Amino acid sequence: MSAAAAADRRATLAILDDQAVIDLLVLSYLRHGTPYALWSDTLAGFAEDVLGITTWAQLHTRMDAT
């Protein structure tokens, strides 16, 4: 799943049930050493999906660019 584009990963995570997401996070931890590797290329996605912080639309591009 980490080979998919960030937008595709986030869309897939949004439709999965909680147990499937937990399984993916555990697998991510075992493979990458962190459950948050699924968001390694999308800081804005991490802020929204994990932290629950909604950022301004203009900041999304800047945050993902870093």
PDB file of N, CA and C in Angstrom:
ATOM      1  N   MET A   1       0.817  -1.192   0.000  1.00  0.00           N
ATOM      2  CA  MET A   1       0.000   0.000   0.000  1.00  0.00           C
ATOM      3  C   MET A   1       0.860   1.256   0.000  1.00  0.00           C
ATOM      4  N   SER A   2       2.056   1.206   0.538  1.00  0.00           N
ATOM      5  CA  SER A   2       2.889   2.403   0.594  1.00  0.00           C
ATOM      6  C   SER A   2       3.420   2.803  -0.781  1.00  0.00           C
ATOM      7  N   ALA A   3       3.339   1.921  -1.770  1.00  0.00           N
ATOM      8  CA  ALA A   3       3.780   2.263  -3.118  1.00  0.00           C
ATOM      9  C   ALA A   3       2.738   3.087  -3.865  1.00  0.00           C
ATOM     10  N   ALA A   4       1.524   3.120  -3.375  1.00  0.00           N
ATOM     11  CA  ALA A   4       0.457   3.888  -4.019  1.00  0.00           C
ATOM     12  C   ALA A   4       0.641   5.377  -3.742  1.00  0.00           C
ATOM     13  N   ALA A   5       0.028   6.186  -4.574  1.00  0.00           N
ATOM     14  CA  ALA A   5       0.075   7.633  -4.370  1.00  0.00           C
ATOM     15  C   ALA A   5      -0.596   7.999  -3.051  1.00  0.00           C
ATOM     16  N   ALA A   6      -0.164   9.087  -2.451  1.00  0.00           N
ATOM     17  CA  ALA A   6      -0.686   9.499  -1.143  1.00  0.00           C
ATOM     18  C   ALA A   6      -2.204   9.665  -1.157  1.00  0.00           C
ATOM     19  N   ALA A   7      -2.733  10.254  -2.194  1.00  0.00           N
ATOM     20  CA  ALA A   7      -4.187  10.458  -2.270  1.00  0.00           C
ATOM     21  C   ALA A   7      -4.923   9.121  -2.320  1.00  0.00           C
ATOM     22  N   ASP A   8      -4.363   8.158  -3.039  1.00  0.00           N
ATOM     23  CA  ASP A   8      -4.978   6.830  -3.121  1.00  0.00           C
ATOM     24  C   ASP A   8      -4.911   6.106  -1.779  1.00  0.00           C
ATOM     25  N   ARG A   9      -3.765   6.219  -1.095  1.00  0.00           N
ATOM     26  CA  ARG A   9      -3.634   5.594   0.226  1.00  0.00           C
ATOM     27  C   ARG A   9      -4.642   6.174   1.200  1.00  0.00           C
ATOM     28  N   ARG A  10      -4.778   7.489   1.211  1.00  0.00           N
ATOM     29  CA  ARG A  10      -5.706   8.133   2.142  1.00  0.00           C
ATOM     30  C   ARG A  10      -7.144   7.755   1.838  1.00  0.00           C
ATOM     31  N   ALA A  11      -7.490   7.669   0.560  1.00  0.00           N
ATOM     32  CA  ALA A  11      -8.854   7.282   0.181  1.00  0.00           C
ATOM     33  C   ALA A  11      -9.134   5.847   0.606  1.00  0.00           C
ATOM     34  N   THR A  12      -8.166   4.975   0.442  1.00  0.00           N
ATOM     35  CA  THR A  12      -8.338   3.579   0.848  1.00  0.00           C
ATOM     36  C   THR A  12      -8.466   3.464   2.361  1.00  0.00           C
ATOM     37  N   LEU A  13      -7.621   4.167   3.091  1.00  0.00           N
ATOM     38  CA  LEU A  13      -7.699   4.134   4.553  1.00  0.00           C
ATOM     39  C   LEU A  13      -9.046   4.646   5.055  1.00  0.00           C
ATOM     40  N   ALA A  14      -9.618   5.595   4.349  1.00  0.00           N
ATOM     41  CA  ALA A  14     -10.895   6.176   4.774  1.00  0.00           C
ATOM     42  C   ALA A  14     -12.050   5.188   4.657  1.00  0.00           C
ATOM     43  N   ILE A  15     -11.953   4.244   3.734  1.00  0.00           N
ATOM     44  CA  ILE A  15     -13.069   3.310   3.550  1.00  0.00           C
ATOM     45  C   ILE A  15     -12.888   1.998   4.304  1.00  0.00           C
ATOM     46  N   LEU A  16     -11.690   1.757   4.834  1.00  0.00           N
ATOM     47  CA  LEU A  16     -11.436   0.513   5.565  1.00  0.00           C
ATOM     48  C   LEU A  16     -12.049   0.563   6.961  1.00  0.00           C
ATOM     49  N   ASP A  17     -12.398  -0.609   7.474  1.00  0.00           N
ATOM     50  CA  ASP A  17     -12.891  -0.646   8.847  1.00  0.00           C
ATOM     51  C   ASP A  17     -11.706  -0.538   9.813  1.00  0.00           C
ATOM     52  N   ASP A  18     -12.007  -0.290  11.080  1.00  0.00           N
ATOM     53  CA  ASP A  18     -10.967  -0.038  12.078  1.00  0.00           C
ATOM     54  C   ASP A  18      -9.975  -1.191  12.195  1.00  0.00           C
ATOM     55  N   GLN A  19     -10.442  -2.420  12.171  1.00  0.00           N
ATOM     56  CA  GLN A  19      -9.542  -3.561  12.326  1.00  0.00           C
ATOM     57  C   GLN A  19      -8.554  -3.653  11.169  1.00  0.00           C
ATOM     58  N   ALA A  20      -9.001  -3.385   9.963  1.00  0.00           N
ATOM     59  CA  ALA A  20      -8.102  -3.419   8.806  1.00  0.00           C
ATOM     60  C   ALA A  20      -7.051  -2.318   8.908  1.00  0.00           C
ATOM     61  N   VAL A  21      -7.442  -1.134   9.375  1.00  0.00           N
ATOM     62  CA  VAL A  21      -6.484  -0.033   9.550  1.00  0.00           C
ATOM     63  C   VAL A  21      -5.467  -0.394  10.622  1.00  0.00           C
ATOM     64  N   ILE A  22      -5.918  -0.989  11.704  1.00  0.00           N
ATOM     65  CA  ILE A  22      -4.996  -1.410  12.767  1.00  0.00           C
ATOM     66  C   ILE A  22      -3.996  -2.421  12.221  1.00  0.00           C
ATOM     67  N   ASP A  23      -4.477  -3.373  11.442  1.00  0.00           N
ATOM     68  CA  ASP A  23      -3.581  -4.362  10.841  1.00  0.00           C
ATOM     69  C   ASP A  23      -2.530  -3.685   9.954  1.00  0.00           C
ATOM     70  N   LEU A  24      -2.947  -2.702   9.159  1.00  0.00           N
ATOM     71  CA  LEU A  24      -1.996  -1.984   8.307  1.00  0.00           C
ATOM     72  C   LEU A  24      -0.971  -1.208   9.128  1.00  0.00           C
ATOM     73  N   LEU A  25      -1.413  -0.601  10.214  1.00  0.00           N
ATOM     74  CA  LEU A  25      -0.490   0.146  11.069  1.00  0.00           C
ATOM     75  C   LEU A  25       0.526  -0.782  11.726  1.00  0.00           C
ATOM     76  N   VAL A  26       0.081  -1.958  12.154  1.00  0.00           N
ATOM     77  CA  VAL A  26       0.998  -2.936  12.745  1.00  0.00           C
ATOM     78  C   VAL A  26       2.005  -3.404  11.695  1.00  0.00           C
ATOM     79  N   LEU A  27       1.534  -3.725  10.510  1.00  0.00           N
ATOM     80  CA  LEU A  27       2.438  -4.137   9.439  1.00  0.00           C
ATOM     81  C   LEU A  27       3.430  -3.034   9.083  1.00  0.00           C
ATOM     82  N   SER A  28       2.962  -1.800   9.069  1.00  0.00           N
ATOM     83  CA  SER A  28       3.841  -0.667   8.797  1.00  0.00           C
ATOM     84  C   SER A  28       4.911  -0.555   9.880  1.00  0.00           C
ATOM     85  N   TYR A  29       4.519  -0.758  11.115  1.00  0.00           N
ATOM     86  CA  TYR A  29       5.487  -0.706  12.224  1.00  0.00           C
ATOM     87  C   TYR A  29       6.532  -1.805  12.080  1.00  0.00           C
ATOM     88  N   LEU A  30       6.082  -3.009  11.767  1.00  0.00           N
ATOM     89  CA  LEU A  30       7.010  -4.134  11.637  1.00  0.00           C
ATOM     90  C   LEU A  30       7.965  -3.950  10.459  1.00  0.00           C
ATOM     91  N   ARG A  31       7.476  -3.383   9.371  1.00  0.00           N
ATOM     92  CA  ARG A  31       8.302  -3.221   8.173  1.00  0.00           C
ATOM     93  C   ARG A  31       9.169  -1.972   8.215  1.00  0.00           C
ATOM     94  N   HIS A  32       8.620  -0.856   8.719  1.00  0.00           N
ATOM     95  CA  HIS A  32       9.322   0.428   8.637  1.00  0.00           C
ATOM     96  C   HIS A  32       9.771   0.988   9.981  1.00  0.00           C
ATOM     97  N   GLY A  33       9.347   0.357  11.069  1.00  0.00           N
ATOM     98  CA  GLY A  33       9.730   0.848  12.389  1.00  0.00           C
ATOM     99  C   GLY A  33       8.812   1.927  12.922  1.00  0.00           C
ATOM    100  N   THR A  34       7.779   2.263  12.183  1.00  0.00           N
ATOM    101  CA  THR A  34       6.803   3.256  12.620  1.00  0.00           C
ATOM    102  C   THR A  34       5.453   2.961  11.962  1.00  0.00           C
ATOM    103  N   PRO A  35       4.374   3.106  12.705  1.00  0.00           N
ATOM    104  CA  PRO A  35       3.070   2.892  12.082  1.00  0.00           C
ATOM    105  C   PRO A  35       2.683   4.024  11.135  1.00  0.00           C
ATOM    106  N   TYR A  36       3.403   5.120  11.188  1.00  0.00           N
ATOM    107  CA  TYR A  36       3.037   6.302  10.420  1.00  0.00           C
ATOM    108  C   TYR A  36       3.746   6.401   9.076  1.00  0.00           C
ATOM    109  N   ALA A  37       4.417   5.360   8.640  1.00  0.00           N
ATOM    110  CA  ALA A  37       5.114   5.380   7.348  1.00  0.00           C
ATOM    111  C   ALA A  37       4.145   5.581   6.190  1.00  0.00           C
ATOM    112  N   LEU A  38       2.879   5.230   6.391  1.00  0.00           N
ATOM    113  CA  LEU A  38       1.890   5.418   5.325  1.00  0.00           C
ATOM    114  C   LEU A  38       1.696   6.894   4.983  1.00  0.00           C
ATOM    115  N   TRP A  39       2.084   7.772   5.868  1.00  0.00           N
ATOM    116  CA  TRP A  39       1.941   9.211   5.646  1.00  0.00           C
ATOM    117  C   TRP A  39       3.292   9.892   5.457  1.00  0.00           C
ATOM    118  N   SER A  40       4.331   9.149   5.139  1.00  0.00           N
ATOM    119  CA  SER A  40       5.674   9.727   5.066  1.00  0.00           C
ATOM    120  C   SER A  40       5.820  10.802   3.991  1.00  0.00           C
ATOM    121  N   ASP A  41       4.982  10.765   2.978  1.00  0.00           N
ATOM    122  CA  ASP A  41       5.095  11.754   1.905  1.00  0.00           C
ATOM    123  C   ASP A  41       3.925  12.730   1.856  1.00  0.00           C
ATOM    124  N   THR A  42       3.124  12.765   2.912  1.00  0.00           N
ATOM    125  CA  THR A  42       2.006  13.698   2.949  1.00  0.00           C
ATOM    126  C   THR A  42       1.798  14.214   4.373  1.00  0.00           C
ATOM    127  N   LEU A  43       2.506  15.283   4.684  1.00  0.00           N
ATOM    128  CA  LEU A  43       2.397  15.877   6.011  1.00  0.00           C
ATOM    129  C   LEU A  43       0.983  16.383   6.273  1.00  0.00           C
ATOM    130  N   ALA A  44       0.353  16.958   5.261  1.00  0.00           N
ATOM    131  CA  ALA A  44      -1.019  17.440   5.431  1.00  0.00           C
ATOM    132  C   ALA A  44      -1.967  16.269   5.702  1.00  0.00           C
ATOM    133  N   GLY A  45      -1.759  15.151   5.009  1.00  0.00           N
ATOM    134  CA  GLY A  45      -2.577  13.970   5.245  1.00  0.00           C
ATOM    135  C   GLY A  45      -2.388  13.431   6.648  1.00  0.00           C
ATOM    136  N   PHE A  46      -1.159  13.430   7.139  1.00  0.00           N
ATOM    137  CA  PHE A  46      -0.881  12.997   8.505  1.00  0.00           C
ATOM    138  C   PHE A  46      -1.587  13.903   9.502  1.00  0.00           C
ATOM    139  N   ALA A  47      -1.507  15.210   9.281  1.00  0.00           N
ATOM    140  CA  ALA A  47      -2.148  16.156  10.193  1.00  0.00           C
ATOM    141  C   ALA A  47      -3.656  15.937  10.240  1.00  0.00           C
ATOM    142  N   GLU A  48      -4.260  15.676   9.103  1.00  0.00           N
ATOM    143  CA  GLU A  48      -5.711  15.474   9.057  1.00  0.00           C
ATOM    144  C   GLU A  48      -6.124  14.095   9.560  1.00  0.00           C
ATOM    145  N   ASP A  49      -5.468  13.049   9.052  1.00  0.00           N
ATOM    146  CA  ASP A  49      -5.890  11.679   9.342  1.00  0.00           C
ATOM    147  C   ASP A  49      -5.523  11.225  10.744  1.00  0.00           C
ATOM    148  N   VAL A  50      -4.328  11.555  11.196  1.00  0.00           N
ATOM    149  CA  VAL A  50      -3.837  11.048  12.480  1.00  0.00           C
ATOM    150  C   VAL A  50      -4.101  12.040  13.607  1.00  0.00           C
ATOM    151  N   LEU A  51      -3.738  13.284  13.393  1.00  0.00           N
ATOM    152  CA  LEU A  51      -3.867  14.285  14.444  1.00  0.00           C
ATOM    153  C   LEU A  51      -5.247  14.921  14.500  1.00  0.00           C
ATOM    154  N   GLY A  52      -5.994  14.817  13.412  1.00  0.00           N
ATOM    155  CA  GLY A  52      -7.326  15.404  13.372  1.00  0.00           C
ATOM    156  C   GLY A  52      -7.322  16.913  13.208  1.00  0.00           C
ATOM    157  N   ILE A  53      -6.236  17.436  12.655  1.00  0.00           N
ATOM    158  CA  ILE A  53      -6.103  18.877  12.451  1.00  0.00           C
ATOM    159  C   ILE A  53      -6.445  19.196  11.002  1.00  0.00           C
ATOM    160  N   THR A  54      -7.389  20.071  10.791  1.00  0.00           N
ATOM    161  CA  THR A  54      -7.722  20.503   9.437  1.00  0.00           C
ATOM    162  C   THR A  54      -6.884  21.732   9.119  1.00  0.00           C
ATOM    163  N   THR A  55      -6.122  21.633   8.064  1.00  0.00           N
ATOM    164  CA  THR A  55      -5.273  22.754   7.662  1.00  0.00           C
ATOM    165  C   THR A  55      -5.940  23.530   6.542  1.00  0.00           C
ATOM    166  N   TRP A  56      -5.495  24.728   6.344  1.00  0.00           N
ATOM    167  CA  TRP A  56      -6.022  25.524   5.250  1.00  0.00           C
ATOM    168  C   TRP A  56      -5.624  24.910   3.930  1.00  0.00           C
ATOM    169  N   ALA A  57      -6.449  25.050   2.944  1.00  0.00           N
ATOM    170  CA  ALA A  57      -6.205  24.446   1.629  1.00  0.00           C
ATOM    171  C   ALA A  57      -4.882  24.921   1.031  1.00  0.00           C
ATOM    172  N   GLN A  58      -4.529  26.179   1.235  1.00  0.00           N
ATOM    173  CA  GLN A  58      -3.290  26.708   0.671  1.00  0.00           C
ATOM    174  C   GLN A  58      -2.062  26.078   1.319  1.00  0.00           C
ATOM    175  N   LEU A  59      -2.183  25.653   2.570  1.00  0.00           N
ATOM    176  CA  LEU A  59      -1.032  25.070   3.246  1.00  0.00           C
ATOM    177  C   LEU A  59      -0.787  23.625   2.835  1.00  0.00           C
ATOM    178  N   HIS A  60      -1.784  22.954   2.302  1.00  0.00           N
ATOM    179  CA  HIS A  60      -1.609  21.556   1.922  1.00  0.00           C
ATOM    180  C   HIS A  60      -0.446  21.384   0.953  1.00  0.00           C
ATOM    181  N   THR A  61      -0.396  22.212  -0.042  1.00  0.00           N
ATOM    182  CA  THR A  61       0.667  22.104  -1.039  1.00  0.00           C
ATOM    183  C   THR A  61       2.018  22.353  -0.406  1.00  0.00           C
ATOM    184  N   ARG A  62       2.113  23.342   0.443  1.00  0.00           N
ATOM    185  CA  ARG A  62       3.375  23.664   1.086  1.00  0.00           C
ATOM    186  C   ARG A  62       3.798  22.557   2.039  1.00  0.00           C
ATOM    187  N   MET A  63       2.860  22.027   2.797  1.00  0.00           N
ATOM    188  CA  MET A  63       3.199  20.984   3.756  1.00  0.00           C
ATOM    189  C   MET A  63       3.638  19.709   3.048  1.00  0.00           C
ATOM    190  N   ASP A  64       2.978  19.352   1.964  1.00  0.00           N
ATOM    191  CA  ASP A  64       3.348  18.143   1.235  1.00  0.00           C
ATOM    192  C   ASP A  64       4.648  18.322   0.455  1.00  0.00           C
ATOM    193  N   ALA A  65       5.017  19.546   0.172  1.00  0.00           N
ATOM    194  CA  ALA A  65       6.235  19.807  -0.590  1.00  0.00           C
ATOM    195  C   ALA A  65       7.499  19.614   0.252  1.00  0.00           C
ATOM    196  N   THR A  66       7.362  19.671   1.569  1.00  0.00           N
ATOM    197  CA  THR A  66       8.553  19.554   2.423  1.00  0.00           C
ATOM    198  C   THR A  66       9.011  18.146   2.603  1.00  0.00           C
TER     199      THR A  66
END
